[in-house]
């Protein structure tokens, strides 16, 4: 396995592994002082980043091959 494929695989794996942790940490920060609105986009952000990174990696490998 080449270094580029290994690195890309590890990034996607790390994001997939850390997404529930980041989401749980963000959801635990709401203390009732109007932060519930902010928690909505914070909990969705890791999933959006992971989806965007996956699309970029797919485009990269499509163009490269």
PDB file of N, CA and C in Angstrom:
ATOM      1  N   UNK A   1       0.856  -1.174   0.000  1.00  0.00           N
ATOM      2  CA  UNK A   1       0.000   0.000   0.000  1.00  0.00           C
ATOM      3  C   UNK A   1       0.898   1.232   0.000  1.00  0.00           C
ATOM      4  N   UNK A   2       0.612   2.140  -0.898  1.00  0.00           N
ATOM      5  CA  UNK A   2       1.444   3.332  -0.984  1.00  0.00           C
ATOM      6  C   UNK A   2       1.191   4.249   0.211  1.00  0.00           C
ATOM      7  N   UNK A   3       2.114   5.140   0.417  1.00  0.00           N
ATOM      8  CA  UNK A   3       2.023   6.064   1.547  1.00  0.00           C
ATOM      9  C   UNK A   3       0.803   6.968   1.430  1.00  0.00           C
ATOM     10  N   UNK A   4       0.475   7.414   0.226  1.00  0.00           N
ATOM     11  CA  UNK A   4      -0.682   8.297   0.040  1.00  0.00           C
ATOM     12  C   UNK A   4      -1.983   7.581   0.389  1.00  0.00           C
ATOM     13  N   UNK A   5      -2.128   6.351  -0.068  1.00  0.00           N
ATOM     14  CA  UNK A   5      -3.347   5.609   0.242  1.00  0.00           C
ATOM     15  C   UNK A   5      -3.426   5.303   1.732  1.00  0.00           C
ATOM     16  N   UNK A   6      -2.298   4.963   2.326  1.00  0.00           N
ATOM     17  CA  UNK A   6      -2.273   4.673   3.757  1.00  0.00           C
ATOM     18  C   UNK A   6      -2.651   5.914   4.560  1.00  0.00           C
ATOM     19  N   UNK A   7      -2.067   7.064   4.196  1.00  0.00           N
ATOM     20  CA  UNK A   7      -2.347   8.314   4.899  1.00  0.00           C
ATOM     21  C   UNK A   7      -3.818   8.692   4.759  1.00  0.00           C
ATOM     22  N   UNK A   8      -4.363   8.595   3.558  1.00  0.00           N
ATOM     23  CA  UNK A   8      -5.777   8.912   3.333  1.00  0.00           C
ATOM     24  C   UNK A   8      -6.677   7.975   4.124  1.00  0.00           C
ATOM     25  N   UNK A   9      -6.331   6.711   4.131  1.00  0.00           N
ATOM     26  CA  UNK A   9      -7.125   5.740   4.883  1.00  0.00           C
ATOM     27  C   UNK A   9      -7.091   6.039   6.376  1.00  0.00           C
ATOM     28  N   UNK A  10      -5.953   6.418   6.887  1.00  0.00           N
ATOM     29  CA  UNK A  10      -5.831   6.722   8.310  1.00  0.00           C
ATOM     30  C   UNK A  10      -6.604   7.990   8.685  1.00  0.00           C
ATOM     31  N   UNK A  11      -6.621   8.974   7.805  1.00  0.00           N
ATOM     32  CA  UNK A  11      -7.390  10.194   8.082  1.00  0.00           C
ATOM     33  C   UNK A  11      -8.878   9.870   8.150  1.00  0.00           C
ATOM     34  N   UNK A  12      -9.372   9.133   7.176  1.00  0.00           N
ATOM     35  CA  UNK A  12     -10.790   8.765   7.170  1.00  0.00           C
ATOM     36  C   UNK A  12     -11.112   7.897   8.387  1.00  0.00           C
ATOM     37  N   UNK A  13     -10.232   6.962   8.730  1.00  0.00           N
ATOM     38  CA  UNK A  13     -10.447   6.111   9.897  1.00  0.00           C
ATOM     39  C   UNK A  13     -10.468   6.943  11.183  1.00  0.00           C
ATOM     40  N   UNK A  14      -9.527   7.883  11.310  1.00  0.00           N
ATOM     41  CA  UNK A  14      -9.474   8.725  12.511  1.00  0.00           C
ATOM     42  C   UNK A  14     -10.724   9.590  12.625  1.00  0.00           C
ATOM     43  N   UNK A  15     -11.179  10.160  11.518  1.00  0.00           N
ATOM     44  CA  UNK A  15     -12.398  10.963  11.554  1.00  0.00           C
ATOM     45  C   UNK A  15     -13.606  10.108  11.930  1.00  0.00           C
ATOM     46  N   UNK A  16     -13.678   8.911  11.363  1.00  0.00           N
ATOM     47  CA  UNK A  16     -14.794   8.021  11.690  1.00  0.00           C
ATOM     48  C   UNK A  16     -14.749   7.605  13.156  1.00  0.00           C
ATOM     49  N   UNK A  17     -13.555   7.419  13.685  1.00  0.00           N
ATOM     50  CA  UNK A  17     -13.400   7.013  15.075  1.00  0.00           C
ATOM     51  C   UNK A  17     -13.708   8.165  16.031  1.00  0.00           C
ATOM     52  N   UNK A  18     -13.297   9.376  15.678  1.00  0.00           N
ATOM     53  CA  UNK A  18     -13.448  10.513  16.580  1.00  0.00           C
ATOM     54  C   UNK A  18     -14.783  11.242  16.448  1.00  0.00           C
ATOM     55  N   UNK A  19     -15.543  10.998  15.400  1.00  0.00           N
ATOM     56  CA  UNK A  19     -16.811  11.706  15.216  1.00  0.00           C
ATOM     57  C   UNK A  19     -17.770  11.513  16.394  1.00  0.00           C
ATOM     58  N   UNK A  20     -17.993  10.298  16.892  1.00  0.00           N
ATOM     59  CA  UNK A  20     -18.888  10.164  18.047  1.00  0.00           C
ATOM     60  C   UNK A  20     -18.352  10.862  19.299  1.00  0.00           C
ATOM     61  N   UNK A  21     -17.049  10.854  19.478  1.00  0.00           N
ATOM     62  CA  UNK A  21     -16.443  11.503  20.648  1.00  0.00           C
ATOM     63  C   UNK A  21     -16.643  13.012  20.574  1.00  0.00           C
ATOM     64  N   UNK A  22     -16.378  13.592  19.412  1.00  0.00           N
ATOM     65  CA  UNK A  22     -16.538  15.034  19.230  1.00  0.00           C
ATOM     66  C   UNK A  22     -18.002  15.427  19.381  1.00  0.00           C
ATOM     67  N   UNK A  23     -18.892  14.630  18.813  1.00  0.00           N
ATOM     68  CA  UNK A  23     -20.325  14.914  18.904  1.00  0.00           C
ATOM     69  C   UNK A  23     -20.804  14.850  20.351  1.00  0.00           C
ATOM     70  N   UNK A  24     -20.363  13.858  21.096  1.00  0.00           N
ATOM     71  CA  UNK A  24     -20.763  13.736  22.499  1.00  0.00           C
ATOM     72  C   UNK A  24     -20.215  14.888  23.330  1.00  0.00           C
ATOM     73  N   UNK A  25     -18.985  15.292  23.064  1.00  0.00           N
ATOM     74  CA  UNK A  25     -18.399  16.411  23.801  1.00  0.00           C
ATOM     75  C   UNK A  25     -19.139  17.704  23.495  1.00  0.00           C
ATOM     76  N   UNK A  26     -19.505  17.909  22.243  1.00  0.00           N
ATOM     77  CA  UNK A  26     -20.221  19.129  21.866  1.00  0.00           C
ATOM     78  C   UNK A  26     -21.626  19.141  22.453  1.00  0.00           C
ATOM     79  N   UNK A  27     -22.294  18.005  22.474  1.00  0.00           N
ATOM     80  CA  UNK A  27     -23.649  17.936  23.013  1.00  0.00           C
ATOM     81  C   UNK A  27     -23.650  18.130  24.523  1.00  0.00           C
ATOM     82  N   UNK A  28     -22.563  17.791  25.186  1.00  0.00           N
ATOM     83  CA  UNK A  28     -22.488  17.947  26.629  1.00  0.00           C
ATOM     84  C   UNK A  28     -22.225  19.370  27.078  1.00  0.00           C
ATOM     85  N   UNK A  29     -21.943  20.280  26.154  1.00  0.00           N
ATOM     86  CA  UNK A  29     -21.615  21.653  26.530  1.00  0.00           C
ATOM     87  C   UNK A  29     -22.832  22.539  26.739  1.00  0.00           C
ATOM     88  N   UNK A  30     -24.010  22.114  26.330  1.00  0.00           N
ATOM     89  CA  UNK A  30     -25.201  22.948  26.502  1.00  0.00           C
ATOM     90  C   UNK A  30     -25.599  23.009  27.965  1.00  0.00           C
ATOM     91  N   UNK A  31     -25.644  24.215  28.535  1.00  0.00           N
ATOM     92  CA  UNK A  31     -25.985  24.355  29.952  1.00  0.00           C
ATOM     93  C   UNK A  31     -27.277  25.136  30.165  1.00  0.00           C
ATOM     94  N   UNK A  32     -28.066  25.306  29.106  1.00  0.00           N
ATOM     95  CA  UNK A  32     -29.340  25.990  29.263  1.00  0.00           C
ATOM     96  C   UNK A  32     -29.263  27.487  29.128  1.00  0.00           C
ATOM     97  N   UNK A  33     -28.160  28.038  28.736  1.00  0.00           N
ATOM     98  CA  UNK A  33     -28.018  29.487  28.590  1.00  0.00           C
ATOM     99  C   UNK A  33     -28.068  29.924  27.133  1.00  0.00           C
ATOM    100  N   UNK A  34     -28.919  29.299  26.353  1.00  0.00           N
ATOM    101  CA  UNK A  34     -29.043  29.671  24.954  1.00  0.00           C
ATOM    102  C   UNK A  34     -28.002  29.037  24.062  1.00  0.00           C
ATOM    103  N   UNK A  35     -27.282  28.067  24.575  1.00  0.00           N
ATOM    104  CA  UNK A  35     -26.241  27.429  23.773  1.00  0.00           C
ATOM    105  C   UNK A  35     -26.776  26.254  22.963  1.00  0.00           C
ATOM    106  N   UNK A  36     -28.067  25.951  23.108  1.00  0.00           N
ATOM    107  CA  UNK A  36     -28.619  24.814  22.379  1.00  0.00           C
ATOM    108  C   UNK A  36     -28.564  25.034  20.873  1.00  0.00           C
ATOM    109  N   UNK A  37     -28.735  26.300  20.427  1.00  0.00           N
ATOM    110  CA  UNK A  37     -28.664  26.581  18.999  1.00  0.00           C
ATOM    111  C   UNK A  37     -27.262  26.306  18.468  1.00  0.00           C
ATOM    112  N   UNK A  38     -26.261  26.657  19.249  1.00  0.00           N
ATOM    113  CA  UNK A  38     -24.877  26.438  18.827  1.00  0.00           C
ATOM    114  C   UNK A  38     -24.541  24.951  18.813  1.00  0.00           C
ATOM    115  N   UNK A  39     -25.132  24.201  19.719  1.00  0.00           N
ATOM    116  CA  UNK A  39     -24.843  22.771  19.784  1.00  0.00           C
ATOM    117  C   UNK A  39     -25.296  22.081  18.505  1.00  0.00           C
ATOM    118  N   UNK A  40     -26.364  22.556  17.880  1.00  0.00           N
ATOM    119  CA  UNK A  40     -26.862  21.944  16.656  1.00  0.00           C
ATOM    120  C   UNK A  40     -25.824  21.913  15.557  1.00  0.00           C
ATOM    121  N   UNK A  41     -25.193  23.053  15.285  1.00  0.00           N
ATOM    122  CA  UNK A  41     -24.208  23.061  14.197  1.00  0.00           C
ATOM    123  C   UNK A  41     -22.896  22.437  14.630  1.00  0.00           C
ATOM    124  N   UNK A  42     -22.576  22.491  15.919  1.00  0.00           N
ATOM    125  CA  UNK A  42     -21.328  21.875  16.380  1.00  0.00           C
ATOM    126  C   UNK A  42     -21.412  20.352  16.264  1.00  0.00           C
ATOM    127  N   UNK A  43     -22.567  19.787  16.576  1.00  0.00           N
ATOM    128  CA  UNK A  43     -22.697  18.337  16.490  1.00  0.00           C
ATOM    129  C   UNK A  43     -22.752  17.858  15.049  1.00  0.00           C
ATOM    130  N   UNK A  44     -23.183  18.709  14.133  1.00  0.00           N
ATOM    131  CA  UNK A  44     -23.230  18.331  12.720  1.00  0.00           C
ATOM    132  C   UNK A  44     -21.901  18.568  12.019  1.00  0.00           C
ATOM    133  N   UNK A  45     -21.050  19.413  12.564  1.00  0.00           N
ATOM    134  CA  UNK A  45     -19.795  19.774  11.908  1.00  0.00           C
ATOM    135  C   UNK A  45     -18.873  18.579  11.655  1.00  0.00           C
ATOM    136  N   UNK A  46     -18.633  17.689  12.611  1.00  0.00           N
ATOM    137  CA  UNK A  46     -17.737  16.557  12.318  1.00  0.00           C
ATOM    138  C   UNK A  46     -18.238  15.683  11.170  1.00  0.00           C
ATOM    139  N   UNK A  47     -19.545  15.499  11.095  1.00  0.00           N
ATOM    140  CA  UNK A  47     -20.096  14.696  10.004  1.00  0.00           C
ATOM    141  C   UNK A  47     -19.915  15.399   8.665  1.00  0.00           C
ATOM    142  N   UNK A  48     -20.084  16.718   8.655  1.00  0.00           N
ATOM    143  CA  UNK A  48     -19.897  17.477   7.419  1.00  0.00           C
ATOM    144  C   UNK A  48     -18.441  17.446   6.984  1.00  0.00           C
ATOM    145  N   UNK A  49     -17.521  17.573   7.928  1.00  0.00           N
ATOM    146  CA  UNK A  49     -16.091  17.526   7.604  1.00  0.00           C
ATOM    147  C   UNK A  49     -15.723  16.154   7.059  1.00  0.00           C
ATOM    148  N   UNK A  50     -16.248  15.103   7.685  1.00  0.00           N
ATOM    149  CA  UNK A  50     -15.948  13.753   7.224  1.00  0.00           C
ATOM    150  C   UNK A  50     -16.508  13.514   5.817  1.00  0.00           C
ATOM    151  N   UNK A  51     -17.709  13.992   5.559  1.00  0.00           N
ATOM    152  CA  UNK A  51     -18.299  13.831   4.228  1.00  0.00           C
ATOM    153  C   UNK A  51     -17.497  14.605   3.184  1.00  0.00           C
ATOM    154  N   UNK A  52     -17.112  15.829   3.516  1.00  0.00           N
ATOM    155  CA  UNK A  52     -16.336  16.649   2.586  1.00  0.00           C
ATOM    156  C   UNK A  52     -14.977  16.010   2.306  1.00  0.00           C
ATOM    157  N   UNK A  53     -14.318  15.521   3.345  1.00  0.00           N
ATOM    158  CA  UNK A  53     -13.009  14.882   3.162  1.00  0.00           C
ATOM    159  C   UNK A  53     -13.129  13.622   2.313  1.00  0.00           C
ATOM    160  N   UNK A  54     -14.196  12.871   2.515  1.00  0.00           N
ATOM    161  CA  UNK A  54     -14.402  11.661   1.717  1.00  0.00           C
ATOM    162  C   UNK A  54     -14.591  11.998   0.245  1.00  0.00           C
ATOM    163  N   UNK A  55     -15.366  13.034  -0.030  1.00  0.00           N
ATOM    164  CA  UNK A  55     -15.586  13.447  -1.419  1.00  0.00           C
ATOM    165  C   UNK A  55     -14.287  13.918  -2.055  1.00  0.00           C
ATOM    166  N   UNK A  56     -13.493  14.694  -1.323  1.00  0.00           N
ATOM    167  CA  UNK A  56     -12.215  15.177  -1.854  1.00  0.00           C
ATOM    168  C   UNK A  56     -11.288  14.001  -2.165  1.00  0.00           C
ATOM    169  N   UNK A  57     -11.218  13.029  -1.273  1.00  0.00           N
ATOM    170  CA  UNK A  57     -10.364  11.855  -1.502  1.00  0.00           C
ATOM    171  C   UNK A  57     -10.854  11.064  -2.709  1.00  0.00           C
ATOM    172  N   UNK A  58     -12.166  10.923  -2.846  1.00  0.00           N
ATOM    173  CA  UNK A  58     -12.710  10.200  -3.998  1.00  0.00           C
ATOM    174  C   UNK A  58     -12.387  10.921  -5.300  1.00  0.00           C
ATOM    175  N   UNK A  59     -12.517  12.240  -5.314  1.00  0.00           N
ATOM    176  CA  UNK A  59     -12.186  13.018  -6.515  1.00  0.00           C
ATOM    177  C   UNK A  59     -10.705  12.889  -6.830  1.00  0.00           C
ATOM    178  N   UNK A  60      -9.868  12.959  -5.813  1.00  0.00           N
ATOM    179  CA  UNK A  60      -8.424  12.846  -6.019  1.00  0.00           C
ATOM    180  C   UNK A  60      -8.064  11.519  -6.688  1.00  0.00           C
ATOM    181  N   UNK A  61      -8.596  10.420  -6.156  1.00  0.00           N
ATOM    182  CA  UNK A  61      -8.264   9.115  -6.725  1.00  0.00           C
ATOM    183  C   UNK A  61      -8.886   8.917  -8.106  1.00  0.00           C
ATOM    184  N   UNK A  62     -10.024   9.547  -8.365  1.00  0.00           N
ATOM    185  CA  UNK A  62     -10.632   9.458  -9.690  1.00  0.00           C
ATOM    186  C   UNK A  62      -9.783  10.176 -10.727  1.00  0.00           C
ATOM    187  N   UNK A  63      -9.319  11.359 -10.398  1.00  0.00           N
ATOM    188  CA  UNK A  63      -8.488  12.134 -11.326  1.00  0.00           C
ATOM    189  C   UNK A  63      -7.129  11.471 -11.508  1.00  0.00           C
ATOM    190  N   UNK A  64      -6.580  10.957 -10.431  1.00  0.00           N
ATOM    191  CA  UNK A  64      -5.244  10.369 -10.486  1.00  0.00           C
ATOM    192  C   UNK A  64      -5.201   9.109 -11.343  1.00  0.00           C
ATOM    193  N   UNK A  65      -6.235   8.300 -11.274  1.00  0.00           N
ATOM    194  CA  UNK A  65      -6.238   7.030 -12.029  1.00  0.00           C
ATOM    195  C   UNK A  65      -6.641   7.253 -13.414  1.00  0.00           C
TER     196      UNK A  65
END
